[in-house]
Amino acid sequence: MGGVYIRCGSFEGNDKSCSSIQVVLQDLAGEANPTEQAVLLRIESLLDGASDHILIAPEDAVSLLSLVRRHRMAIAAKIAPITDPFEQIERDYQANPGLDPTDAKYGKSVGWKYYCILDVEKAFQVSAREREPVVLTWD
């Protein structure tokens, strides 16, 4: 089963960690200020027009870093005391036994969204530090 991968400079994300990225971006848009919303729209348009990868510019990653951090902290507070996204994924399946694994991976699971935002935050931190673009690829 395919998925979405993230990397930036010296950082290589976990296996298929960004498969929920489109839903995570929508969630971020609901919390974003106008400047952040403009950046999110730019990333969404890149996703809409891409065939197998996109590059998120370092300045865009930097401008979204605090929003991403706040969102990660909000999800962490929601699922606390769990800190392992895979434990939350299991809980998501227990709460909804009919949850399709593909639907879960692409944004219907809180655990998958948490898995995603953890690596997005790390990639954006590396982008800010190393001034490298964030790369999203999929198979």
N, C-alpha and C. Protein backbone atom coordinates (compact mmCIF):
# COMPACT_ATOMS: atom_id res chain seq x y z
N MET A 1 0.85 -1.17 0.00
CA MET A 1 0.00 0.00 0.00
C MET A 1 0.89 1.23 0.00
N GLY A 2 0.66 2.15 -0.92
CA GLY A 2 1.47 3.35 -1.07
C GLY A 2 1.28 4.33 0.07
N GLY A 3 2.01 5.42 -0.02
CA GLY A 3 1.91 6.45 1.00
C GLY A 3 2.74 7.66 0.63
N VAL A 4 2.78 8.61 1.55
CA VAL A 4 3.49 9.87 1.35
C VAL A 4 4.66 9.93 2.32
N TYR A 5 5.82 10.31 1.81
CA TYR A 5 7.06 10.38 2.57
C TYR A 5 7.52 11.83 2.66
N ILE A 6 8.26 12.14 3.73
CA ILE A 6 8.79 13.49 3.91
C ILE A 6 10.27 13.41 4.24
N ARG A 7 11.01 14.38 3.70
CA ARG A 7 12.43 14.50 4.05
C ARG A 7 12.85 15.94 3.85
N CYS A 8 13.93 16.29 4.50
CA CYS A 8 14.49 17.63 4.36
C CYS A 8 15.92 17.61 4.86
N GLY A 9 16.86 17.98 3.98
CA GLY A 9 18.26 18.04 4.38
C GLY A 9 18.69 16.76 5.08
N SER A 10 19.13 16.88 6.33
CA SER A 10 19.61 15.73 7.10
C SER A 10 18.49 14.90 7.72
N PHE A 11 17.24 15.29 7.53
CA PHE A 11 16.10 14.58 8.13
C PHE A 11 15.40 13.70 7.11
N GLU A 12 15.16 12.45 7.51
CA GLU A 12 14.40 11.50 6.71
C GLU A 12 13.23 11.06 7.58
N GLY A 13 12.01 11.34 7.14
CA GLY A 13 10.82 10.99 7.91
C GLY A 13 10.60 9.50 8.00
N ASN A 14 9.68 9.13 8.87
CA ASN A 14 9.32 7.73 9.05
C ASN A 14 8.52 7.22 7.86
N ASP A 15 8.41 5.91 7.76
CA ASP A 15 7.74 5.25 6.64
C ASP A 15 6.31 5.74 6.47
N LYS A 16 6.03 6.35 5.33
CA LYS A 16 4.69 6.80 4.95
C LYS A 16 4.06 7.74 5.97
N SER A 17 4.90 8.46 6.72
CA SER A 17 4.39 9.28 7.82
C SER A 17 3.51 10.44 7.36
N CYS A 18 3.64 10.88 6.15
CA CYS A 18 2.86 12.04 5.71
C CYS A 18 1.68 11.67 4.82
N SER A 19 1.22 10.45 4.94
CA SER A 19 0.07 10.02 4.14
C SER A 19 -1.18 10.84 4.46
N SER A 20 -1.28 11.36 5.67
CA SER A 20 -2.44 12.18 6.07
C SER A 20 -2.23 13.67 5.80
N ILE A 21 -1.24 14.04 5.02
CA ILE A 21 -0.86 15.44 4.88
C ILE A 21 -1.99 16.34 4.39
N GLN A 22 -2.81 15.89 3.47
CA GLN A 22 -3.86 16.78 2.96
C GLN A 22 -4.87 17.10 4.05
N VAL A 23 -5.24 16.13 4.85
CA VAL A 23 -6.18 16.39 5.95
C VAL A 23 -5.51 17.25 7.01
N VAL A 24 -4.25 16.99 7.29
CA VAL A 24 -3.52 17.81 8.27
C VAL A 24 -3.44 19.26 7.79
N LEU A 25 -3.20 19.47 6.51
CA LEU A 25 -3.17 20.84 5.98
C LEU A 25 -4.53 21.52 6.12
N GLN A 26 -5.60 20.78 5.90
CA GLN A 26 -6.95 21.33 6.10
C GLN A 26 -7.17 21.69 7.57
N ASP A 27 -6.72 20.82 8.47
CA ASP A 27 -6.84 21.11 9.90
C ASP A 27 -6.05 22.36 10.26
N LEU A 28 -4.85 22.48 9.72
CA LEU A 28 -4.02 23.66 9.98
C LEU A 28 -4.70 24.93 9.47
N ALA A 29 -5.34 24.85 8.32
CA ALA A 29 -6.00 26.03 7.74
C ALA A 29 -7.07 26.57 8.68
N GLY A 30 -7.72 25.69 9.42
CA GLY A 30 -8.73 26.12 10.37
C GLY A 30 -8.18 26.89 11.55
N GLU A 31 -6.88 26.79 11.78
CA GLU A 31 -6.22 27.46 12.91
C GLU A 31 -5.29 28.59 12.47
N ALA A 32 -5.15 28.77 11.16
CA ALA A 32 -4.12 29.66 10.61
C ALA A 32 -4.57 31.11 10.56
N ASN A 33 -3.58 32.01 10.69
CA ASN A 33 -3.84 33.42 10.45
C ASN A 33 -3.79 33.65 8.93
N PRO A 34 -4.14 34.84 8.44
CA PRO A 34 -4.18 35.05 6.99
C PRO A 34 -2.86 34.78 6.26
N THR A 35 -1.75 35.14 6.86
CA THR A 35 -0.45 34.88 6.22
C THR A 35 -0.20 33.38 6.11
N GLU A 36 -0.47 32.65 7.19
CA GLU A 36 -0.29 31.19 7.17
C GLU A 36 -1.26 30.54 6.20
N GLN A 37 -2.48 31.06 6.12
CA GLN A 37 -3.46 30.50 5.17
C GLN A 37 -2.96 30.64 3.73
N ALA A 38 -2.33 31.75 3.42
CA ALA A 38 -1.79 31.95 2.07
C ALA A 38 -0.71 30.90 1.76
N VAL A 39 0.14 30.62 2.72
CA VAL A 39 1.18 29.60 2.53
C VAL A 39 0.54 28.22 2.37
N LEU A 40 -0.43 27.92 3.19
CA LEU A 40 -1.13 26.63 3.09
C LEU A 40 -1.80 26.47 1.73
N LEU A 41 -2.39 27.53 1.21
CA LEU A 41 -3.01 27.48 -0.12
C LEU A 41 -1.96 27.21 -1.19
N ARG A 42 -0.79 27.82 -1.04
CA ARG A 42 0.30 27.60 -1.99
C ARG A 42 0.72 26.12 -1.99
N ILE A 43 0.83 25.53 -0.80
CA ILE A 43 1.21 24.12 -0.68
C ILE A 43 0.12 23.24 -1.26
N GLU A 44 -1.14 23.56 -0.97
CA GLU A 44 -2.27 22.78 -1.53
C GLU A 44 -2.24 22.81 -3.06
N SER A 45 -1.94 23.97 -3.63
CA SER A 45 -1.91 24.06 -5.10
C SER A 45 -0.74 23.25 -5.66
N LEU A 46 0.37 23.19 -4.95
CA LEU A 46 1.48 22.34 -5.36
C LEU A 46 1.05 20.88 -5.35
N LEU A 47 0.35 20.47 -4.30
CA LEU A 47 -0.13 19.09 -4.20
C LEU A 47 -1.10 18.75 -5.32
N ASP A 48 -1.99 19.69 -5.63
CA ASP A 48 -2.99 19.45 -6.67
C ASP A 48 -2.36 19.27 -8.05
N GLY A 49 -1.24 19.93 -8.31
CA GLY A 49 -0.64 19.87 -9.63
C GLY A 49 0.52 18.91 -9.76
N ALA A 50 0.85 18.19 -8.70
CA ALA A 50 2.05 17.34 -8.70
C ALA A 50 1.74 15.92 -9.16
N SER A 51 2.77 15.27 -9.69
CA SER A 51 2.61 13.87 -10.09
C SER A 51 3.25 12.91 -9.10
N ASP A 52 4.42 13.25 -8.55
CA ASP A 52 5.06 12.32 -7.61
C ASP A 52 5.82 12.99 -6.47
N HIS A 53 5.94 14.34 -6.50
CA HIS A 53 6.62 15.02 -5.40
C HIS A 53 6.31 16.52 -5.43
N ILE A 54 6.54 17.17 -4.30
CA ILE A 54 6.52 18.63 -4.23
C ILE A 54 7.68 19.08 -3.36
N LEU A 55 8.05 20.33 -3.54
CA LEU A 55 9.05 20.97 -2.69
C LEU A 55 8.38 22.13 -1.96
N ILE A 56 8.55 22.16 -0.65
CA ILE A 56 8.06 23.26 0.16
C ILE A 56 9.27 24.13 0.47
N ALA A 57 9.21 25.38 0.05
CA ALA A 57 10.34 26.30 0.21
C ALA A 57 10.66 26.51 1.69
N PRO A 58 11.94 26.69 2.00
CA PRO A 58 12.33 26.91 3.40
C PRO A 58 11.58 28.08 4.06
N GLU A 59 11.36 29.16 3.32
CA GLU A 59 10.65 30.30 3.91
C GLU A 59 9.19 29.95 4.23
N ASP A 60 8.58 29.06 3.45
CA ASP A 60 7.22 28.61 3.76
C ASP A 60 7.22 27.70 4.99
N ALA A 61 8.20 26.82 5.08
CA ALA A 61 8.31 25.96 6.25
C ALA A 61 8.50 26.79 7.52
N VAL A 62 9.35 27.78 7.44
CA VAL A 62 9.62 28.64 8.60
C VAL A 62 8.34 29.39 9.00
N SER A 63 7.61 29.89 8.02
CA SER A 63 6.41 30.67 8.34
C SER A 63 5.30 29.82 8.95
N LEU A 64 5.34 28.50 8.73
CA LEU A 64 4.32 27.61 9.29
C LEU A 64 4.76 26.87 10.54
N LEU A 65 6.01 27.01 10.92
CA LEU A 65 6.55 26.20 12.02
C LEU A 65 5.79 26.38 13.32
N SER A 66 5.47 27.60 13.72
CA SER A 66 4.76 27.78 14.99
C SER A 66 3.34 27.23 14.92
N LEU A 67 2.68 27.37 13.77
CA LEU A 67 1.34 26.79 13.57
C LEU A 67 1.40 25.27 13.68
N VAL A 68 2.37 24.67 13.03
CA VAL A 68 2.54 23.22 13.08
C VAL A 68 2.81 22.76 14.51
N ARG A 69 3.64 23.49 15.21
CA ARG A 69 3.97 23.14 16.60
C ARG A 69 2.71 23.20 17.48
N ARG A 70 1.93 24.27 17.34
CA ARG A 70 0.69 24.40 18.12
C ARG A 70 -0.27 23.25 17.81
N HIS A 71 -0.38 22.90 16.54
CA HIS A 71 -1.29 21.83 16.14
C HIS A 71 -0.82 20.48 16.70
N ARG A 72 0.48 20.22 16.64
CA ARG A 72 1.02 18.99 17.21
C ARG A 72 0.74 18.92 18.71
N MET A 73 0.92 20.04 19.40
CA MET A 73 0.66 20.07 20.83
C MET A 73 -0.83 19.85 21.13
N ALA A 74 -1.71 20.37 20.28
CA ALA A 74 -3.15 20.18 20.48
C ALA A 74 -3.53 18.71 20.31
N ILE A 75 -2.98 18.07 19.29
CA ILE A 75 -3.27 16.64 19.11
C ILE A 75 -2.70 15.84 20.29
N ALA A 76 -1.48 16.17 20.71
CA ALA A 76 -0.86 15.46 21.83
C ALA A 76 -1.72 15.60 23.09
N ALA A 77 -2.25 16.78 23.33
CA ALA A 77 -3.10 17.00 24.50
C ALA A 77 -4.39 16.18 24.39
N LYS A 78 -4.92 16.09 23.17
CA LYS A 78 -6.17 15.35 22.94
C LYS A 78 -6.01 13.85 23.21
N ILE A 79 -4.85 13.29 22.86
CA ILE A 79 -4.66 11.84 23.00
C ILE A 79 -3.91 11.45 24.26
N ALA A 80 -3.44 12.44 25.02
CA ALA A 80 -2.67 12.17 26.24
C ALA A 80 -3.41 11.18 27.13
N PRO A 81 -2.69 10.31 27.77
CA PRO A 81 -1.24 10.28 27.97
C PRO A 81 -0.48 9.53 26.88
N ILE A 82 -1.15 9.15 25.80
CA ILE A 82 -0.47 8.44 24.72
C ILE A 82 0.53 9.38 24.04
N THR A 83 1.71 8.85 23.76
CA THR A 83 2.70 9.61 23.02
C THR A 83 3.15 8.90 21.75
N ASP A 84 2.75 7.66 21.61
CA ASP A 84 3.11 6.85 20.45
C ASP A 84 1.96 6.87 19.44
N PRO A 85 2.20 7.39 18.24
CA PRO A 85 1.10 7.46 17.26
C PRO A 85 0.51 6.10 16.93
N PHE A 86 1.33 5.04 16.97
CA PHE A 86 0.82 3.71 16.64
C PHE A 86 -0.13 3.19 17.71
N GLU A 87 0.11 3.56 18.94
CA GLU A 87 -0.83 3.20 20.01
C GLU A 87 -2.17 3.91 19.78
N GLN A 88 -2.11 5.18 19.35
CA GLN A 88 -3.35 5.89 19.04
C GLN A 88 -4.04 5.30 17.82
N ILE A 89 -3.28 4.88 16.83
CA ILE A 89 -3.88 4.24 15.65
C ILE A 89 -4.67 3.00 16.09
N GLU A 90 -4.09 2.20 16.98
CA GLU A 90 -4.79 1.02 17.49
C GLU A 90 -6.07 1.43 18.22
N ARG A 91 -5.99 2.48 19.00
CA ARG A 91 -7.19 2.98 19.70
C ARG A 91 -8.25 3.44 18.69
N ASP A 92 -7.80 4.06 17.61
CA ASP A 92 -8.75 4.50 16.58
C ASP A 92 -9.50 3.31 16.00
N TYR A 93 -8.79 2.21 15.77
CA TYR A 93 -9.43 1.00 15.25
C TYR A 93 -10.38 0.38 16.28
N GLN A 94 -9.97 0.42 17.55
CA GLN A 94 -10.84 -0.11 18.60
C GLN A 94 -12.12 0.71 18.73
N ALA A 95 -11.99 2.02 18.59
CA ALA A 95 -13.16 2.90 18.70
C ALA A 95 -14.07 2.78 17.48
N ASN A 96 -13.48 2.42 16.34
CA ASN A 96 -14.24 2.31 15.10
C ASN A 96 -13.79 1.05 14.36
N PRO A 97 -14.30 -0.12 14.75
CA PRO A 97 -13.83 -1.38 14.16
C PRO A 97 -14.01 -1.47 12.65
N GLY A 98 -14.91 -0.71 12.08
CA GLY A 98 -15.12 -0.74 10.64
C GLY A 98 -14.23 0.22 9.87
N LEU A 99 -13.31 0.89 10.56
CA LEU A 99 -12.44 1.87 9.91
C LEU A 99 -11.55 1.18 8.88
N ASP A 100 -11.64 1.62 7.64
CA ASP A 100 -10.82 1.08 6.56
C ASP A 100 -9.36 1.53 6.76
N PRO A 101 -8.40 0.62 6.68
CA PRO A 101 -7.00 0.98 6.88
C PRO A 101 -6.49 2.08 5.93
N THR A 102 -6.94 2.06 4.69
CA THR A 102 -6.52 3.10 3.75
C THR A 102 -7.12 4.44 4.14
N ASP A 103 -8.40 4.46 4.49
CA ASP A 103 -9.03 5.70 4.94
C ASP A 103 -8.35 6.23 6.19
N ALA A 104 -7.99 5.31 7.10
CA ALA A 104 -7.31 5.72 8.33
C ALA A 104 -6.00 6.41 8.00
N LYS A 105 -5.21 5.79 7.13
CA LYS A 105 -3.89 6.32 6.77
C LYS A 105 -3.99 7.69 6.11
N TYR A 106 -5.03 7.89 5.34
CA TYR A 106 -5.16 9.16 4.61
C TYR A 106 -6.00 10.19 5.33
N GLY A 107 -6.13 10.06 6.67
CA GLY A 107 -6.67 11.16 7.45
C GLY A 107 -7.87 10.88 8.32
N LYS A 108 -8.40 9.68 8.31
CA LYS A 108 -9.57 9.37 9.15
C LYS A 108 -9.17 8.92 10.56
N SER A 109 -7.88 8.81 10.80
CA SER A 109 -7.37 8.34 12.10
C SER A 109 -6.58 9.46 12.76
N VAL A 110 -6.91 9.74 14.01
CA VAL A 110 -6.16 10.73 14.79
C VAL A 110 -4.71 10.28 14.91
N GLY A 111 -4.50 8.99 15.09
CA GLY A 111 -3.14 8.47 15.21
C GLY A 111 -2.31 8.73 13.96
N TRP A 112 -2.90 8.52 12.79
CA TRP A 112 -2.17 8.79 11.55
C TRP A 112 -1.90 10.29 11.39
N LYS A 113 -2.83 11.14 11.78
CA LYS A 113 -2.59 12.58 11.70
C LYS A 113 -1.48 13.00 12.66
N TYR A 114 -1.45 12.38 13.83
CA TYR A 114 -0.39 12.66 14.79
C TYR A 114 0.96 12.20 14.24
N TYR A 115 0.99 11.01 13.66
CA TYR A 115 2.20 10.48 13.02
C TYR A 115 2.71 11.48 11.97
N CYS A 116 1.80 12.04 11.22
CA CYS A 116 2.14 13.00 10.17
C CYS A 116 2.71 14.29 10.76
N ILE A 117 1.98 14.89 11.70
CA ILE A 117 2.39 16.20 12.20
C ILE A 117 3.73 16.13 12.94
N LEU A 118 4.02 14.98 13.55
CA LEU A 118 5.32 14.83 14.21
C LEU A 118 6.46 15.00 13.21
N ASP A 119 6.35 14.33 12.05
CA ASP A 119 7.42 14.43 11.05
C ASP A 119 7.39 15.75 10.29
N VAL A 120 6.21 16.32 10.10
CA VAL A 120 6.14 17.64 9.46
C VAL A 120 6.89 18.65 10.33
N GLU A 121 6.65 18.61 11.64
CA GLU A 121 7.33 19.55 12.53
C GLU A 121 8.85 19.35 12.46
N LYS A 122 9.30 18.11 12.50
CA LYS A 122 10.75 17.85 12.43
C LYS A 122 11.33 18.34 11.11
N ALA A 123 10.66 18.07 10.00
CA ALA A 123 11.15 18.51 8.69
C ALA A 123 11.20 20.03 8.61
N PHE A 124 10.18 20.70 9.14
CA PHE A 124 10.16 22.16 9.10
C PHE A 124 11.26 22.75 9.99
N GLN A 125 11.55 22.10 11.11
CA GLN A 125 12.65 22.55 11.96
C GLN A 125 13.98 22.43 11.22
N VAL A 126 14.19 21.32 10.55
CA VAL A 126 15.42 21.12 9.79
C VAL A 126 15.49 22.13 8.64
N SER A 127 14.37 22.38 7.98
CA SER A 127 14.35 23.35 6.90
C SER A 127 14.75 24.73 7.40
N ALA A 128 14.25 25.10 8.56
CA ALA A 128 14.61 26.40 9.15
C ALA A 128 16.10 26.47 9.46
N ARG A 129 16.65 25.39 9.97
CA ARG A 129 18.05 25.36 10.38
C ARG A 129 19.00 25.23 9.18
N GLU A 130 18.66 24.35 8.24
CA GLU A 130 19.58 24.04 7.14
C GLU A 130 19.25 24.79 5.86
N ARG A 131 18.13 25.50 5.86
CA ARG A 131 17.69 26.28 4.69
C ARG A 131 17.53 25.40 3.44
N GLU A 132 17.02 24.21 3.64
CA GLU A 132 16.73 23.26 2.57
C GLU A 132 15.23 23.14 2.38
N PRO A 133 14.77 22.85 1.16
CA PRO A 133 13.33 22.64 0.98
C PRO A 133 12.88 21.32 1.61
N VAL A 134 11.61 21.30 1.99
CA VAL A 134 10.98 20.08 2.48
C VAL A 134 10.46 19.35 1.23
N VAL A 135 10.74 18.07 1.14
CA VAL A 135 10.33 17.27 -0.01
C VAL A 135 9.26 16.27 0.43
N LEU A 136 8.13 16.30 -0.26
CA LEU A 136 7.10 15.29 -0.08
C LEU A 136 7.07 14.45 -1.34
N THR A 137 7.16 13.14 -1.18
CA THR A 137 7.09 12.21 -2.31
C THR A 137 6.06 11.14 -1.99
N TRP A 138 5.53 10.53 -3.02
CA TRP A 138 4.57 9.46 -2.81
C TRP A 138 4.76 8.37 -3.83
N ASP A 139 4.24 7.19 -3.45
CA ASP A 139 4.31 6.04 -4.37
C ASP A 139 2.95 5.38 -4.45
